[in-house]
C-alpha atoms as a PDB file:
ATOM      1  CA  MET A   1      -4.410   4.527 133.151  1.00  0.00           C
ATOM      2  CA  PHE A   2      -4.751   5.878 129.613  1.00  0.00           C
ATOM      3  CA  PRO A   3      -1.232   6.626 127.819  1.00  0.00           C
ATOM      4  CA  PHE A   4      -1.706  10.216 127.744  1.00  0.00           C
ATOM      5  CA  ARG A   5       1.063  10.845 124.881  1.00  0.00           C
ATOM      6  CA  ARG A   6      -0.714   8.517 122.564  1.00  0.00           C
ATOM      7  CA  ASN A   7      -3.860  10.189 123.266  1.00  0.00           C
ATOM      8  CA  VAL A   8      -2.723  13.696 122.661  1.00  0.00           C
ATOM      9  CA  LEU A   9      -0.879  12.577 119.501  1.00  0.00           C
ATOM     10  CA  ALA A  10      -4.308  10.530 118.170  1.00  0.00           C
ATOM     11  CA  PHE A  11      -6.586  13.748 118.738  1.00  0.00           C
ATOM     12  CA  ALA A  12      -3.936  16.476 117.388  1.00  0.00           C
ATOM     13  CA  ALA A  13      -4.043  14.323 114.067  1.00  0.00           C
ATOM     14  CA  LEU A  14      -7.869  14.227 113.858  1.00  0.00           C
ATOM     15  CA  LEU A  15      -8.405  17.695 114.024  1.00  0.00           C
ATOM     16  CA  ALA A  16      -5.468  18.640 111.513  1.00  0.00           C
ATOM     17  CA  LEU A  17      -7.054  16.366 109.151  1.00  0.00           C
ATOM     18  CA  SER A  18     -10.161  18.209 109.848  1.00  0.00           C
ATOM     19  CA  SER A  19     -11.197  20.705 107.110  1.00  0.00           C
ATOM     20  CA  PRO A  20     -11.278  24.232 107.972  1.00  0.00           C
ATOM     21  CA  VAL A  21     -14.302  26.181 108.203  1.00  0.00           C
ATOM     22  CA  LEU A  22     -15.934  28.854 109.603  1.00  0.00           C
ATOM     23  CA  ALA A  23     -14.848  29.537 113.242  1.00  0.00           C
ATOM     24  CA  GLY A  24     -17.393  27.686 116.276  1.00  0.00           C
ATOM     25  CA  LYS A  25     -17.028  28.440 119.443  1.00  0.00           C
ATOM     26  CA  LEU A  26     -16.662  25.916 121.880  1.00  0.00           C
ATOM     27  CA  ALA A  27     -16.999  25.622 126.016  1.00  0.00           C
ATOM     28  CA  ILE A  28     -15.826  22.698 128.200  1.00  0.00           C
ATOM     29  CA  VAL A  29     -17.018  22.317 131.587  1.00  0.00           C
ATOM     30  CA  ILE A  30     -15.418  19.689 134.052  1.00  0.00           C
ATOM     31  CA  ASP A  31     -18.046  18.767 137.006  1.00  0.00           C
ATOM     32  CA  ASP A  32     -17.706  17.405 140.528  1.00  0.00           C
ATOM     33  CA  PHE A  33     -14.800  19.485 141.721  1.00  0.00           C
ATOM     34  CA  GLY A  34     -14.593  19.228 145.524  1.00  0.00           C
ATOM     35  CA  TYR A  35     -13.831  15.339 146.327  1.00  0.00           C
ATOM     36  CA  ARG A  36     -10.295  14.742 144.419  1.00  0.00           C
ATOM     37  CA  PRO A  37      -7.783  18.111 144.796  1.00  0.00           C
ATOM     38  CA  HIS A  38      -5.150  15.729 143.201  1.00  0.00           C
ATOM     39  CA  ASN A  39      -7.003  15.168 139.626  1.00  0.00           C
ATOM     40  CA  GLU A  40      -8.723  18.823 139.844  1.00  0.00           C
ATOM     41  CA  ASN A  41      -5.315  19.877 140.322  1.00  0.00           C
ATOM     42  CA  GLN A  42      -4.443  18.636 136.819  1.00  0.00           C
ATOM     43  CA  VAL A  43      -7.588  20.302 135.140  1.00  0.00           C
ATOM     44  CA  LEU A  44      -6.466  23.164 136.673  1.00  0.00           C
ATOM     45  CA  ALA A  45      -3.114  23.333 135.089  1.00  0.00           C
ATOM     46  CA  MET A  46      -4.945  23.216 131.490  1.00  0.00           C
ATOM     47  CA  PRO A  47      -6.114  26.155 129.621  1.00  0.00           C
ATOM     48  CA  SER A  48      -8.075  28.837 131.651  1.00  0.00           C
ATOM     49  CA  ALA A  49     -10.932  28.616 128.968  1.00  0.00           C
ATOM     50  CA  ILE A  50     -12.130  25.215 130.640  1.00  0.00           C
ATOM     51  CA  SER A  51     -15.032  25.958 133.118  1.00  0.00           C
ATOM     52  CA  VAL A  52     -15.115  24.073 136.442  1.00  0.00           C
ATOM     53  CA  ALA A  53     -18.679  23.102 138.312  1.00  0.00           C
ATOM     54  CA  VAL A  54     -18.166  22.656 142.215  1.00  0.00           C
ATOM     55  CA  LEU A  55     -20.226  20.703 144.331  1.00  0.00           C
ATOM     56  CA  PRO A  56     -21.185  22.753 147.283  1.00  0.00           C
ATOM     57  CA  ASP A  57     -21.258  20.862 150.143  1.00  0.00           C
ATOM     58  CA  SER A  58     -17.932  18.642 148.834  1.00  0.00           C
ATOM     59  CA  PRO A  59     -15.110  18.975 151.515  1.00  0.00           C
ATOM     60  CA  HIS A  60     -12.423  20.508 148.982  1.00  0.00           C
ATOM     61  CA  ALA A  61     -15.198  22.860 148.168  1.00  0.00           C
ATOM     62  CA  ARG A  62     -13.979  26.484 148.884  1.00  0.00           C
ATOM     63  CA  GLU A  63     -10.570  25.244 148.086  1.00  0.00           C
ATOM     64  CA  MET A  64     -10.807  24.309 144.786  1.00  0.00           C
ATOM     65  CA  ALA A  65     -12.945  27.094 144.050  1.00  0.00           C
ATOM     66  CA  THR A  66     -10.671  29.675 145.012  1.00  0.00           C
ATOM     67  CA  LYS A  67      -7.839  27.866 143.015  1.00  0.00           C
ATOM     68  CA  ALA A  68      -9.828  27.717 139.805  1.00  0.00           C
ATOM     69  CA  HIS A  69     -10.958  31.149 139.951  1.00  0.00           C
ATOM     70  CA  ASN A  70      -6.854  32.302 140.658  1.00  0.00           C
ATOM     71  CA  SER A  71      -5.863  30.107 137.463  1.00  0.00           C
ATOM     72  CA  GLY A  72      -8.355  31.881 135.531  1.00  0.00           C
ATOM     73  CA  HIS A  73     -10.959  29.556 135.450  1.00  0.00           C
ATOM     74  CA  GLU A  74     -14.506  30.292 135.453  1.00  0.00           C
ATOM     75  CA  VAL A  75     -16.308  28.950 138.437  1.00  0.00           C
ATOM     76  CA  LEU A  76     -20.141  27.214 138.474  1.00  0.00           C
ATOM     77  CA  ILE A  77     -21.658  25.620 141.243  1.00  0.00           C
ATOM     78  CA  HIS A  78     -22.610  22.120 140.270  1.00  0.00           C
ATOM     79  CA  LEU A  79     -25.808  22.059 142.576  1.00  0.00           C
ATOM     80  CA  PRO A  80     -27.019  18.321 143.242  1.00  0.00           C
ATOM     81  CA  MET A  81     -31.003  17.858 141.925  1.00  0.00           C
ATOM     82  CA  ALA A  82     -33.271  14.792 142.410  1.00  0.00           C
ATOM     83  CA  PRO A  83     -33.165  12.356 140.107  1.00  0.00           C
ATOM     84  CA  LEU A  84     -35.488   9.828 138.794  1.00  0.00           C
ATOM     85  CA  SER A  85     -33.465   6.686 139.785  1.00  0.00           C
ATOM     86  CA  LYS A  86     -32.949   5.511 143.020  1.00  0.00           C
ATOM     87  CA  GLN A  87     -29.389   6.513 144.351  1.00  0.00           C
ATOM     88  CA  PRO A  88     -27.594   8.133 147.250  1.00  0.00           C
ATOM     89  CA  LEU A  89     -28.063  11.796 147.358  1.00  0.00           C
ATOM     90  CA  GLU A  90     -25.901  14.266 148.171  1.00  0.00           C
ATOM     91  CA  LYS A  91     -26.690  16.648 150.990  1.00  0.00           C
ATOM     92  CA  ASN A  92     -28.841  19.565 150.295  1.00  0.00           C
ATOM     93  CA  THR A  93     -30.211  17.836 147.178  1.00  0.00           C
ATOM     94  CA  LEU A  94     -33.174  19.995 145.555  1.00  0.00           C
ATOM     95  CA  ARG A  95     -36.410  18.227 145.024  1.00  0.00           C
ATOM     96  CA  PRO A  96     -39.817  19.343 143.344  1.00  0.00           C
ATOM     97  CA  GLU A  97     -41.819  19.206 146.425  1.00  0.00           C
ATOM     98  CA  MET A  98     -39.625  22.005 148.741  1.00  0.00           C
ATOM     99  CA  SER A  99     -40.987  25.585 149.457  1.00  0.00           C
ATOM    100  CA  SER A 100     -39.496  28.356 147.723  1.00  0.00           C
ATOM    101  CA  ASP A 101     -37.841  29.300 151.111  1.00  0.00           C
ATOM    102  CA  GLU A 102     -36.129  26.156 151.381  1.00  0.00           C
ATOM    103  CA  ILE A 103     -34.725  26.343 147.808  1.00  0.00           C
ATOM    104  CA  GLU A 104     -33.528  29.964 148.280  1.00  0.00           C
ATOM    105  CA  ARG A 105     -31.759  28.457 151.633  1.00  0.00           C
ATOM    106  CA  ILE A 106     -29.933  25.791 149.841  1.00  0.00           C
ATOM    107  CA  ILE A 107     -29.215  28.236 147.008  1.00  0.00           C
ATOM    108  CA  ARG A 108     -28.032  30.541 149.613  1.00  0.00           C
ATOM    109  CA  SER A 109     -25.910  28.228 151.106  1.00  0.00           C
ATOM    110  CA  ALA A 110     -24.213  26.931 147.980  1.00  0.00           C
ATOM    111  CA  VAL A 111     -23.241  30.588 146.830  1.00  0.00           C
ATOM    112  CA  ASN A 112     -21.453  30.686 149.942  1.00  0.00           C
ATOM    113  CA  ASN A 113     -19.989  27.659 150.061  1.00  0.00           C
ATOM    114  CA  VAL A 114     -18.425  28.045 146.135  1.00  0.00           C
ATOM    115  CA  PRO A 115     -16.587  31.797 146.090  1.00  0.00           C
ATOM    116  CA  TYR A 116     -16.202  33.238 142.613  1.00  0.00           C
ATOM    117  CA  ALA A 117     -19.129  31.187 141.163  1.00  0.00           C
ATOM    118  CA  VAL A 118     -21.037  32.769 138.078  1.00  0.00           C
ATOM    119  CA  GLY A 119     -23.177  30.285 137.307  1.00  0.00           C
ATOM    120  CA  ILE A 120     -24.958  27.060 138.425  1.00  0.00           C
ATOM    121  CA  ASN A 121     -25.663  23.488 136.756  1.00  0.00           C
ATOM    122  CA  ASN A 122     -27.123  20.717 137.830  1.00  0.00           C
ATOM    123  CA  HIS A 123     -25.666  17.529 139.242  1.00  0.00           C
ATOM    124  CA  MET A 124     -27.826  15.049 138.000  1.00  0.00           C
ATOM    125  CA  GLY A 125     -31.577  16.156 138.519  1.00  0.00           C
ATOM    126  CA  SER A 126     -34.078  14.314 135.880  1.00  0.00           C
ATOM    127  CA  LYS A 127     -37.214  14.482 138.391  1.00  0.00           C
ATOM    128  CA  MET A 128     -36.110  18.089 139.367  1.00  0.00           C
ATOM    129  CA  THR A 129     -35.569  19.559 136.019  1.00  0.00           C
ATOM    130  CA  SER A 130     -38.464  17.905 134.444  1.00  0.00           C
ATOM    131  CA  ASN A 131     -40.869  19.394 136.806  1.00  0.00           C
ATOM    132  CA  LEU A 132     -41.705  22.833 135.692  1.00  0.00           C
ATOM    133  CA  PHE A 133     -43.290  24.127 139.425  1.00  0.00           C
ATOM    134  CA  GLY A 134     -39.934  23.096 141.003  1.00  0.00           C
ATOM    135  CA  MET A 135     -37.745  24.526 138.528  1.00  0.00           C
ATOM    136  CA  GLN A 136     -39.826  28.025 138.856  1.00  0.00           C
ATOM    137  CA  LYS A 137     -38.565  27.990 142.043  1.00  0.00           C
ATOM    138  CA  VAL A 138     -35.421  27.737 141.356  1.00  0.00           C
ATOM    139  CA  MET A 139     -34.979  30.191 138.686  1.00  0.00           C
ATOM    140  CA  GLN A 140     -36.652  32.617 141.142  1.00  0.00           C
ATOM    141  CA  ALA A 141     -33.869  32.143 144.211  1.00  0.00           C
ATOM    142  CA  LEU A 142     -31.219  32.155 140.945  1.00  0.00           C
ATOM    143  CA  GLU A 143     -32.387  35.627 140.104  1.00  0.00           C
ATOM    144  CA  ARG A 144     -31.063  36.876 143.087  1.00  0.00           C
ATOM    145  CA  TYR A 145     -27.516  36.090 143.234  1.00  0.00           C
ATOM    146  CA  ASN A 146     -27.247  37.065 138.949  1.00  0.00           C
ATOM    147  CA  LEU A 147     -26.533  33.651 138.036  1.00  0.00           C
ATOM    148  CA  TYR A 148     -26.885  31.965 134.769  1.00  0.00           C
ATOM    149  CA  PHE A 149     -28.004  28.652 134.571  1.00  0.00           C
ATOM    150  CA  LEU A 150     -26.455  25.519 132.523  1.00  0.00           C
ATOM    151  CA  ASP A 151     -28.719  23.030 132.094  1.00  0.00           C
ATOM    152  CA  SER A 152     -26.864  19.654 132.045  1.00  0.00           C
ATOM    153  CA  VAL A 153     -29.510  18.046 130.337  1.00  0.00           C
ATOM    154  CA  THR A 154     -30.175  14.919 132.180  1.00  0.00           C
ATOM    155  CA  ILE A 155     -33.541  14.225 130.781  1.00  0.00           C
ATOM    156  CA  GLY A 156     -34.675  15.005 127.394  1.00  0.00           C
ATOM    157  CA  ASN A 157     -37.681  17.237 128.661  1.00  0.00           C
ATOM    158  CA  THR A 158     -36.260  19.186 130.947  1.00  0.00           C
ATOM    159  CA  GLN A 159     -38.286  22.495 132.222  1.00  0.00           C
ATOM    160  CA  ALA A 160     -35.281  24.821 132.856  1.00  0.00           C
ATOM    161  CA  MET A 161     -35.921  27.272 129.956  1.00  0.00           C
ATOM    162  CA  ARG A 162     -39.533  27.075 130.238  1.00  0.00           C
ATOM    163  CA  ALA A 163     -39.147  28.188 134.067  1.00  0.00           C
ATOM    164  CA  ALA A 164     -36.678  31.000 133.423  1.00  0.00           C
ATOM    165  CA  GLN A 165     -39.214  33.061 131.190  1.00  0.00           C
ATOM    166  CA  GLY A 166     -40.087  36.116 133.153  1.00  0.00           C
ATOM    167  CA  THR A 167     -36.904  36.108 134.935  1.00  0.00           C
ATOM    168  CA  GLY A 168     -33.761  37.427 134.427  1.00  0.00           C
ATOM    169  CA  VAL A 169     -31.937  34.238 134.104  1.00  0.00           C
ATOM    170  CA  LYS A 170     -30.425  32.935 131.285  1.00  0.00           C
ATOM    171  CA  VAL A 171     -30.540  29.116 130.407  1.00  0.00           C
ATOM    172  CA  ILE A 172     -27.927  27.479 128.236  1.00  0.00           C
ATOM    173  CA  LYS A 173     -27.863  23.814 127.483  1.00  0.00           C
ATOM    174  CA  ARG A 174     -25.069  20.960 127.656  1.00  0.00           C
ATOM    175  CA  LYS A 175     -24.880  18.867 123.912  1.00  0.00           C
ATOM    176  CA  VAL A 176     -22.195  16.494 124.587  1.00  0.00           C
ATOM    177  CA  PHE A 177     -21.070  14.408 127.753  1.00  0.00           C
ATOM    178  CA  LEU A 178     -17.580  13.778 127.002  1.00  0.00           C
ATOM    179  CA  ASP A 179     -17.144  10.723 129.154  1.00  0.00           C
ATOM    180  CA  ASP A 180     -20.392   8.522 129.517  1.00  0.00           C
ATOM    181  CA  SER A 181     -17.994   5.790 128.858  1.00  0.00           C
ATOM    182  CA  GLN A 182     -14.322   5.486 130.039  1.00  0.00           C
ATOM    183  CA  ASN A 183     -13.313   3.887 127.183  1.00  0.00           C
ATOM    184  CA  GLU A 184     -10.718   5.735 125.099  1.00  0.00           C
ATOM    185  CA  ALA A 185     -12.096   5.087 121.699  1.00  0.00           C
ATOM    186  CA  ASP A 186     -15.546   6.237 122.931  1.00  0.00           C
ATOM    187  CA  ILE A 187     -14.142   9.701 124.686  1.00  0.00           C
ATOM    188  CA  ARG A 188     -12.318  10.231 121.523  1.00  0.00           C
ATOM    189  CA  VAL A 189     -15.673  10.303 119.546  1.00  0.00           C
ATOM    190  CA  GLN A 190     -17.410  12.066 121.730  1.00  0.00           C
ATOM    191  CA  PHE A 191     -14.895  15.138 121.707  1.00  0.00           C
ATOM    192  CA  ASN A 192     -14.830  14.546 117.799  1.00  0.00           C
ATOM    193  CA  ARG A 193     -18.735  15.008 117.788  1.00  0.00           C
ATOM    194  CA  ALA A 194     -18.638  18.112 120.074  1.00  0.00           C
ATOM    195  CA  ILE A 195     -16.209  19.800 117.607  1.00  0.00           C
ATOM    196  CA  ASP A 196     -18.492  18.779 114.896  1.00  0.00           C
ATOM    197  CA  LEU A 197     -21.601  20.503 116.652  1.00  0.00           C
ATOM    198  CA  ALA A 198     -19.288  23.451 117.479  1.00  0.00           C
ATOM    199  CA  ARG A 199     -18.279  23.895 113.526  1.00  0.00           C
ATOM    200  CA  ARG A 200     -22.181  23.068 112.194  1.00  0.00           C
ATOM    201  CA  ASN A 201     -23.880  25.288 114.797  1.00  0.00           C
ATOM    202  CA  GLY A 202     -21.591  27.991 115.706  1.00  0.00           C
ATOM    203  CA  SER A 203     -21.109  26.793 119.600  1.00  0.00           C
ATOM    204  CA  THR A 204     -21.672  23.750 121.835  1.00  0.00           C
ATOM    205  CA  ILE A 205     -21.135  23.164 125.358  1.00  0.00           C
ATOM    206  CA  ALA A 206     -19.380  19.708 126.270  1.00  0.00           C
ATOM    207  CA  ILE A 207     -19.041  18.552 129.821  1.00  0.00           C
ATOM    208  CA  GLY A 208     -16.814  16.081 131.475  1.00  0.00           C
ATOM    209  CA  HIS A 209     -15.094  14.793 134.606  1.00  0.00           C
ATOM    210  CA  PRO A 210     -11.814  15.023 136.428  1.00  0.00           C
ATOM    211  CA  SER A 211     -11.809  11.379 136.463  1.00  0.00           C
ATOM    212  CA  PRO A 212     -11.585   9.950 133.850  1.00  0.00           C
ATOM    213  CA  PHE A 213      -9.917  12.913 132.354  1.00  0.00           C
ATOM    214  CA  ASN A 214      -7.066  10.918 130.459  1.00  0.00           C
ATOM    215  CA  GLY A 215      -9.341  11.503 127.141  1.00  0.00           C
ATOM    216  CA  THR A 216     -10.127  15.570 127.705  1.00  0.00           C
ATOM    217  CA  ARG A 217      -6.153  15.718 128.523  1.00  0.00           C
ATOM    218  CA  ALA A 218      -6.131  16.180 124.198  1.00  0.00           C
ATOM    219  CA  THR A 219      -7.910  19.026 124.772  1.00  0.00           C
ATOM    220  CA  THR A 220      -4.357  20.780 125.830  1.00  0.00           C
ATOM    221  CA  ASP A 221      -3.202  20.212 122.094  1.00  0.00           C
ATOM    222  CA  GLY A 222      -6.541  21.152 120.679  1.00  0.00           C
ATOM    223  CA  PHE A 223      -6.144  24.706 121.685  1.00  0.00           C
ATOM    224  CA  ILE A 224      -3.524  25.112 119.378  1.00  0.00           C
ATOM    225  CA  THR A 225      -4.284  22.965 116.654  1.00  0.00           C
ATOM    226  CA  CYS A 226      -7.915  24.257 116.503  1.00  0.00           C
ATOM    227  CA  ARG A 227      -6.863  27.734 116.741  1.00  0.00           C
ATOM    228  CA  GLN A 228      -7.954  28.265 112.856  1.00  0.00           C
ATOM    229  CA  THR A 229     -11.368  26.447 112.968  1.00  0.00           C
ATOM    230  CA  LEU A 230     -12.444  26.873 116.594  1.00  0.00           C
ATOM    231  CA  ARG A 231     -12.656  29.283 119.586  1.00  0.00           C
ATOM    232  CA  TRP A 232     -12.098  27.529 123.158  1.00  0.00           C
ATOM    233  CA  VAL A 233     -14.138  29.951 125.071  1.00  0.00           C
ATOM    234  CA  LYS A 234     -15.960  29.882 128.919  1.00  0.00           C
ATOM    235  CA  ALA A 235     -19.372  28.578 129.311  1.00  0.00           C
ATOM    236  CA  SER A 236     -20.582  32.118 129.910  1.00  0.00           C
ATOM    237  CA  SER A 237     -19.357  33.586 126.522  1.00  0.00           C
ATOM    238  CA  LEU A 238     -22.082  31.664 125.356  1.00  0.00           C
ATOM    239  CA  LEU A 239     -25.184  33.054 127.023  1.00  0.00           C
ATOM    240  CA  ASN A 240     -26.266  34.995 124.301  1.00  0.00           C
ATOM    241  CA  GLU A 241     -26.130  32.341 121.952  1.00  0.00           C
ATOM    242  CA  PRO A 242     -29.341  31.025 120.475  1.00  0.00           C
ATOM    243  CA  GLN A 243     -30.897  28.507 122.158  1.00  0.00           C
ATOM    244  CA  VAL A 244     -33.746  26.028 121.421  1.00  0.00           C
ATOM    245  CA  ASP A 245     -36.351  25.048 123.812  1.00  0.00           C
ATOM    246  CA  THR A 246     -37.337  21.452 123.242  1.00  0.00           C
ATOM    247  CA  SER A 247     -39.207  20.760 126.329  1.00  0.00           C
ATOM    248  CA  THR A 248     -43.396  20.150 126.063  1.00  0.00           C
ATOM    249  CA  PRO A 249     -45.728  21.823 128.476  1.00  0.00           C
ATOM    250  CA  PRO A 250     -46.453  19.587 131.457  1.00  0.00           C
ATOM    251  CA  LYS A 251     -49.567  17.759 131.631  1.00  0.00           C
ATOM    252  CA  ASN A 252     -52.084  18.322 134.069  1.00  0.00           C
ATOM    253  CA  THR A 253     -52.507  15.026 135.621  1.00  0.00           C
ATOM    254  CA  VAL A 254     -54.831  16.912 138.118  1.00  0.00           C
ATOM    255  CA  PRO A 255     -58.767  17.328 136.632  1.00  0.00           C
ATOM    256  CA  ASP A 256     -59.768  20.794 137.309  1.00  0.00           C
ATOM    257  CA  THR A 257     -62.167  20.718 140.103  1.00  0.00           C
ATOM    258  CA  PRO A 258     -63.239  23.734 142.327  1.00  0.00           C
ATOM    259  CA  ARG A 259     -61.612  23.985 145.582  1.00  0.00           C
ATOM    260  CA  ASN A 260     -64.459  23.844 147.785  1.00  0.00           C
ATOM    261  CA  PRO A 261     -66.961  22.121 145.200  1.00  0.00           C
ATOM    262  CA  PHE A 262     -70.671  22.635 146.274  1.00  0.00           C
ATOM    263  CA  ARG A 263     -72.488  19.081 147.193  1.00  0.00           C
ATOM    264  CA  GLY A 264     -75.463  20.333 146.801  1.00  0.00           C
ATOM    265  CA  VAL A 265     -78.743  19.118 148.786  1.00  0.00           C
ATOM    266  CA  LYS A 266     -79.643  15.389 149.708  1.00  0.00           C
ATOM    267  CA  LEU A 267     -82.997  15.034 148.190  1.00  0.00           C
ATOM    268  CA  CYS A 268     -85.567  13.280 150.780  1.00  0.00           C
ATOM    269  CA  LYS A 269     -86.788   9.479 149.544  1.00  0.00           C
ATOM    270  CA  PRO A 270     -90.762   8.943 148.934  1.00  0.00           C
ATOM    271  CA  LYS A 271     -92.235   6.801 151.273  1.00  0.00           C
ATOM    272  CA  LYS A 272     -94.821   5.974 149.119  1.00  0.00           C
ATOM    273  CA  PRO A 273     -94.311   5.517 144.927  1.00  0.00           C
ATOM    274  CA  ILE A 274     -95.311   8.670 143.074  1.00  0.00           C
ATOM    275  CA  GLU A 275     -97.726   8.228 140.973  1.00  0.00           C
ATOM    276  CA  PRO A 276     -97.114   8.940 137.265  1.00  0.00           C
ATOM    277  CA  VAL A 277     -98.161  11.927 135.764  1.00  0.00           C
ATOM    278  CA  TYR A 278     -99.651  11.744 132.155  1.00  0.00           C
ATOM    279  CA  ALA A 279     -99.350  13.930 129.193  1.00  0.00           C
ATOM    280  CA  ASN A 280    -103.009  14.861 129.279  1.00  0.00           C
ATOM    281  CA  ARG A 281    -102.880  16.037 133.095  1.00  0.00           C
ATOM    282  CA  PHE A 282    -100.805  19.288 131.603  1.00  0.00           C
ATOM    283  CA  PHE A 283    -104.219  20.230 130.089  1.00  0.00           C
ATOM    284  CA  GLU A 284    -106.574  19.478 132.947  1.00  0.00           C
ATOM    285  CA  VAL A 285    -104.137  21.402 135.251  1.00  0.00           C
ATOM    286  CA  LEU A 286    -103.933  24.438 132.592  1.00  0.00           C
ATOM    287  CA  SER A 287    -107.528  24.357 132.489  1.00  0.00           C
ATOM    288  CA  GLU A 288    -108.350  24.580 136.167  1.00  0.00           C
ATOM    289  CA  SER A 289    -105.947  27.502 136.697  1.00  0.00           C
ATOM    290  CA  ILE A 290    -107.148  29.629 134.080  1.00  0.00           C
ATOM    291  CA  SER A 291    -110.803  28.721 135.284  1.00  0.00           C
ATOM    292  CA  GLN A 292    -110.256  29.601 138.566  1.00  0.00           C
ATOM    293  CA  SER A 293    -108.421  33.031 137.961  1.00  0.00           C
ATOM    294  CA  THR A 294    -109.440  36.028 139.516  1.00  0.00           C
ATOM    295  CA  LEU A 295    -110.024  37.956 136.220  1.00  0.00           C
ATOM    296  CA  ILE A 296    -112.243  34.756 134.518  1.00  0.00           C
ATOM    297  CA  VAL A 297    -114.387  34.273 138.049  1.00  0.00           C
ATOM    298  CA  TYR A 298    -115.290  38.158 137.607  1.00  0.00           C
ATOM    299  CA  PHE A 299    -116.329  37.824 134.089  1.00  0.00           C
ATOM    300  CA  GLN A 300    -118.289  34.854 135.069  1.00  0.00           C
ATOM    301  CA  HIS A 301    -120.037  36.904 137.995  1.00  0.00           C
ATOM    302  CA  GLN A 302    -120.790  39.772 135.544  1.00  0.00           C
ATOM    303  CA  TRP A 303    -122.378  37.000 132.847  1.00  0.00           C
ATOM    304  CA  GLN A 304    -124.328  35.757 135.329  1.00  0.00           C
ATOM    305  CA  GLY A 305    -125.987  39.246 136.201  1.00  0.00           C
ATOM    306  CA  TRP A 306    -126.806  40.309 132.742  1.00  0.00           C
ATOM    307  CA  GLY A 307    -130.368  41.091 132.412  1.00  0.00           C
ATOM    308  CA  LYS A 308    -131.243  40.318 135.989  1.00  0.00           C
ATOM    309  CA  GLN A 309    -132.588  43.232 137.924  1.00  0.00           C
ATOM    310  CA  PRO A 310    -130.821  43.881 141.305  1.00  0.00           C
ATOM    311  CA  GLU A 311    -133.054  42.392 144.349  1.00  0.00           C
ATOM    312  CA  ALA A 312    -133.645  46.185 145.438  1.00  0.00           C
ATOM    313  CA  ALA A 313    -134.633  46.959 142.443  1.00  0.00           C
ATOM    314  CA  LYS A 314    -137.608  44.315 142.404  1.00  0.00           C
ATOM    315  CA  LEU A 315    -138.409  45.645 146.223  1.00  0.00           C
ATOM    316  CA  ASN A 316    -139.393  49.235 144.898  1.00  0.00           C
ATOM    317  CA  ALA A 317    -141.049  47.770 142.166  1.00  0.00           C
ATOM    318  CA  SER A 318    -143.425  45.690 144.047  1.00  0.00           C
ATOM    319  CA  ALA A 319    -144.186  48.590 146.665  1.00  0.00           C
ATOM    320  CA  ASN A 320    -145.166  50.687 143.695  1.00  0.00           C
END
């Protein structure tokens, strides 16, 4: 267990030494609620600007979502999505190959299990969020429930923003993970980075977890110390902030071919070798065709009859 008092004092001193600039907005979301009520209750005792994300099929999902809402915290659904890595998955993990109906069923169940939720963020999900077609099905389902999507950005080429185009779903993106490392100094560095990004860019979103939450306990003092330079806000208050889509269009790995291509007719193989046709044969065939045409034959007959008396005329002449 980290020494809480030392963390708080160190973090407060760091903030006090920072030069005041134009106020930025910092939103903190704590994931993985629903499994450890003892740790999670410590988070709920902190200022209400901290948002919490609840795993929908966790044993204490409904209880902790209700407690968080009653404490003034914003509630999100921490929806499991398929990762690229091989690891144990939560129940009802979304996968790209699922049908729209199956995805809608899982999201509907999650909404029922996590009351007061106003948004969704992904638990893991590098495989799912990088699949445009899969995420389009997710966004279509979210639109029915008027939920926003907080992209945890577990992979660089996430397609969440691209998938939301054409729907009414708003997408915001995580910028900092506070506790990828459980080392006290590393957590403090990540906090410092989140604060710096909020000041420079106007806003930022950081994600942490209930355990270890020791480093982020410094946010309690941070609410007071940073009041002049930062605004601590709920995640939903950043929905209208500018967002940059850094994804690239997915590559089409399947060649564009007709669904039912015409295979053509098989050619019969000749029993004997085909005799070659030489170039001069063209003129021979052309000459034969012309000489045997009806018009030419007619003129030939007319030409042969010129200057000759018909047989009937000859007979009349001889009779006279």
